[in-house]
Amino acid sequence: MPTLQYDGTQCPHLPKRKRKKELDPQTERVYRSEHNCASVAQLAPRDIPIFLVSICRSKIWQRQFKNVKLHLYFLPKRIQYAYGGVRADKKYPFIALPENAHGRRIHTIIHEVAHALRGPIRAKNSHSKAFCRVLLTLMRQFEGKDFATRLEKEFRKNKAL
């Protein structure tokens, strides 16, 4: 049984967006690493829930969220960034994706799922070394070993891992 719930409404957990200059050094290193080797593979909007179901059926997801639904939100067009995590009251994990090419990239979707696997939303340490390890595990499983290896090299080069 899929553990995915699609909700077409506005995500109630929209955080205040930090400016790039306000990002902590570890987040900068993670974003720089991802930017240097991120995949541009995209899914059609109708295929995103199907892809998320496959992630929710994976061992890594089931180990942490057995029988817990992942809530998916599509953001209004004016919002250009994605985010994910677990609600502060720990009720459910979610990801929120913009309705643009960035929100349809497999890499973006997996990045946000990694935030959900890391636990409740917290600005501090949201891109920690533990986050990088979870992201690499998901990338290895869903984007391939070669891509995950390239990303790991970038993380190490930029001292994110």
Protein backbone atom coordinates (compact mmCIF):
# COMPACT_ATOMS: atom_id res chain seq x y z
CA MET A 1 0.00 0.00 0.00
CA PRO A 2 1.48 3.40 -0.96
CA THR A 3 2.40 5.72 1.91
CA LEU A 4 1.88 8.90 -0.09
CA GLN A 5 -0.77 11.53 0.35
CA TYR A 6 -1.14 14.22 -2.28
CA ASP A 7 -2.58 17.49 -1.13
CA GLY A 8 -2.97 20.12 -3.84
CA THR A 9 -3.43 22.92 -1.35
CA GLN A 10 -0.87 25.47 -0.21
CA CYS A 11 1.66 23.94 2.15
CA PRO A 12 1.04 25.27 5.68
CA HIS A 13 4.75 24.99 6.58
CA LEU A 14 6.12 27.61 4.21
CA PRO A 15 9.29 28.89 5.88
CA LYS A 16 10.66 32.39 5.55
CA ARG A 17 13.28 32.17 2.82
CA LYS A 18 16.80 33.07 3.85
CA ARG A 19 18.90 35.10 1.49
CA LYS A 20 21.87 33.27 0.09
CA LYS A 21 24.31 35.44 2.03
CA GLU A 22 22.61 34.38 5.28
CA LEU A 23 23.14 30.65 4.75
CA ASP A 24 25.46 28.92 7.17
CA PRO A 25 28.82 27.68 5.82
CA GLN A 26 27.83 23.99 5.86
CA THR A 27 24.69 24.70 3.80
CA GLU A 28 26.79 26.70 1.34
CA ARG A 29 29.19 23.75 0.97
CA VAL A 30 26.32 21.31 0.37
CA TYR A 31 24.63 23.56 -2.20
CA ARG A 32 27.95 24.21 -3.97
CA SER A 33 28.64 20.46 -4.16
CA GLU A 34 25.19 19.69 -5.49
CA HIS A 35 25.33 22.53 -7.99
CA ASN A 36 28.63 21.23 -9.39
CA CYS A 37 27.26 17.80 -10.23
CA ALA A 38 23.47 17.82 -9.87
CA SER A 39 21.49 15.73 -12.27
CA VAL A 40 19.03 17.57 -14.50
CA ALA A 41 16.83 14.51 -15.00
CA GLN A 42 13.20 15.56 -14.61
CA LEU A 43 9.90 13.83 -14.07
CA ALA A 44 6.59 14.77 -15.59
CA PRO A 45 4.31 16.28 -12.91
CA ARG A 46 2.04 13.23 -13.03
CA ASP A 47 5.04 10.92 -12.38
CA ILE A 48 6.23 12.66 -9.19
CA PRO A 49 3.72 10.87 -6.89
CA ILE A 50 4.63 7.51 -8.49
CA PHE A 51 8.34 8.19 -7.89
CA LEU A 52 7.63 9.17 -4.28
CA VAL A 53 5.67 5.95 -3.72
CA SER A 54 8.77 3.98 -4.77
CA ILE A 55 10.84 5.97 -2.26
CA CYS A 56 8.25 5.38 0.48
CA ARG A 57 8.40 1.64 -0.17
CA SER A 58 12.19 1.58 0.19
CA LYS A 59 13.89 0.06 3.24
CA ILE A 60 15.43 3.34 4.35
CA TRP A 61 11.99 5.03 4.46
CA GLN A 62 10.20 2.08 6.06
CA ARG A 63 12.87 1.82 8.76
CA GLN A 64 12.05 5.33 9.93
CA PHE A 65 8.44 5.89 8.84
CA LYS A 66 6.71 2.52 8.70
CA ASN A 67 3.09 3.13 7.61
CA VAL A 68 3.48 6.93 7.82
CA LYS A 69 2.27 9.02 4.91
CA LEU A 70 4.56 11.45 3.11
CA HIS A 71 2.62 14.61 2.36
CA LEU A 72 3.34 16.20 -1.01
CA TYR A 73 2.56 19.82 -1.73
CA PHE A 74 2.91 21.70 -5.00
CA LEU A 75 3.69 25.34 -4.35
CA PRO A 76 2.27 28.34 -6.19
CA LYS A 77 4.24 29.57 -9.20
CA ARG A 78 5.57 32.62 -7.39
CA ILE A 79 7.62 30.37 -5.07
CA GLN A 80 10.77 29.14 -6.80
CA TYR A 81 12.34 26.85 -4.18
CA ALA A 82 11.60 23.46 -2.65
CA TYR A 83 11.73 22.37 0.97
CA GLY A 84 10.95 19.37 3.11
CA GLY A 85 11.10 17.99 6.61
CA VAL A 86 8.89 16.77 9.40
CA ARG A 87 6.36 19.01 11.03
CA ALA A 88 7.58 20.46 14.31
CA ASP A 89 4.92 18.50 16.21
CA LYS A 90 6.37 15.34 14.57
CA LYS A 91 3.03 14.35 13.08
CA TYR A 92 4.13 13.71 9.52
CA PRO A 93 6.95 14.13 7.00
CA PHE A 94 6.36 16.36 3.99
CA ILE A 95 7.97 17.84 0.91
CA ALA A 96 6.89 20.95 -0.94
CA LEU A 97 7.89 21.38 -4.58
CA PRO A 98 7.55 24.40 -6.85
CA GLU A 99 5.68 23.95 -10.11
CA ASN A 100 8.75 24.58 -12.23
CA ALA A 101 11.65 22.55 -13.66
CA HIS A 102 13.52 22.72 -10.34
CA GLY A 103 10.60 21.04 -8.55
CA ARG A 104 10.47 18.22 -11.13
CA ARG A 105 14.17 17.30 -10.91
CA ILE A 106 14.82 13.91 -9.38
CA HIS A 107 17.76 15.39 -7.51
CA THR A 108 15.56 18.07 -5.89
CA ILE A 109 12.91 15.54 -4.89
CA ILE A 110 15.48 13.23 -3.29
CA HIS A 111 17.15 16.17 -1.52
CA GLU A 112 13.83 17.14 0.06
CA VAL A 113 13.02 13.53 1.01
CA ALA A 114 16.41 13.42 2.77
CA HIS A 115 15.27 16.39 4.87
CA ALA A 116 12.12 14.45 5.78
CA LEU A 117 14.22 11.46 6.81
CA ARG A 118 16.41 13.66 9.00
CA GLY A 119 13.51 14.68 11.20
CA PRO A 120 11.78 17.88 12.34
CA ILE A 121 12.50 21.10 10.49
CA ARG A 122 15.30 23.09 12.04
CA ALA A 123 17.24 25.74 10.23
CA LYS A 124 20.40 25.01 12.17
CA ASN A 125 22.13 21.82 10.99
CA SER A 126 19.56 21.14 8.29
CA HIS A 127 22.42 20.33 5.88
CA SER A 128 24.69 18.58 8.36
CA LYS A 129 27.13 15.78 7.58
CA ALA A 130 24.44 13.31 8.71
CA PHE A 131 22.09 14.87 6.14
CA CYS A 132 24.78 14.39 3.46
CA ARG A 133 25.08 10.70 4.34
CA VAL A 134 21.29 10.20 4.12
CA LEU A 135 21.25 12.08 0.80
CA LEU A 136 24.04 9.90 -0.61
CA THR A 137 22.20 6.73 0.45
CA LEU A 138 19.04 7.88 -1.33
CA MET A 139 20.99 9.04 -4.40
CA ARG A 140 22.76 5.69 -4.63
CA GLN A 141 19.42 3.90 -4.60
CA PHE A 142 17.37 6.20 -6.82
CA GLU A 143 19.81 8.02 -9.14
CA GLY A 144 22.52 5.41 -9.42
CA LYS A 145 25.87 4.53 -7.96
CA ASP A 146 27.88 6.61 -10.46
CA PHE A 147 26.00 9.78 -9.65
CA ALA A 148 26.23 9.16 -5.89
CA THR A 149 29.98 8.59 -6.19
CA ARG A 150 30.42 11.90 -8.07
CA LEU A 151 28.34 13.71 -5.47
CA GLU A 152 30.32 12.16 -2.63
CA LYS A 153 33.58 13.35 -4.24
CA GLU A 154 32.13 16.87 -4.51
CA PHE A 155 31.02 16.77 -0.88
CA ARG A 156 34.53 15.78 0.18
CA LYS A 157 36.17 18.35 -2.11
CA ASN A 158 33.99 21.13 -0.66
CA LYS A 159 34.36 19.77 2.90
CA ALA A 160 30.64 19.16 3.29
CA LEU A 161 31.23 15.53 4.31
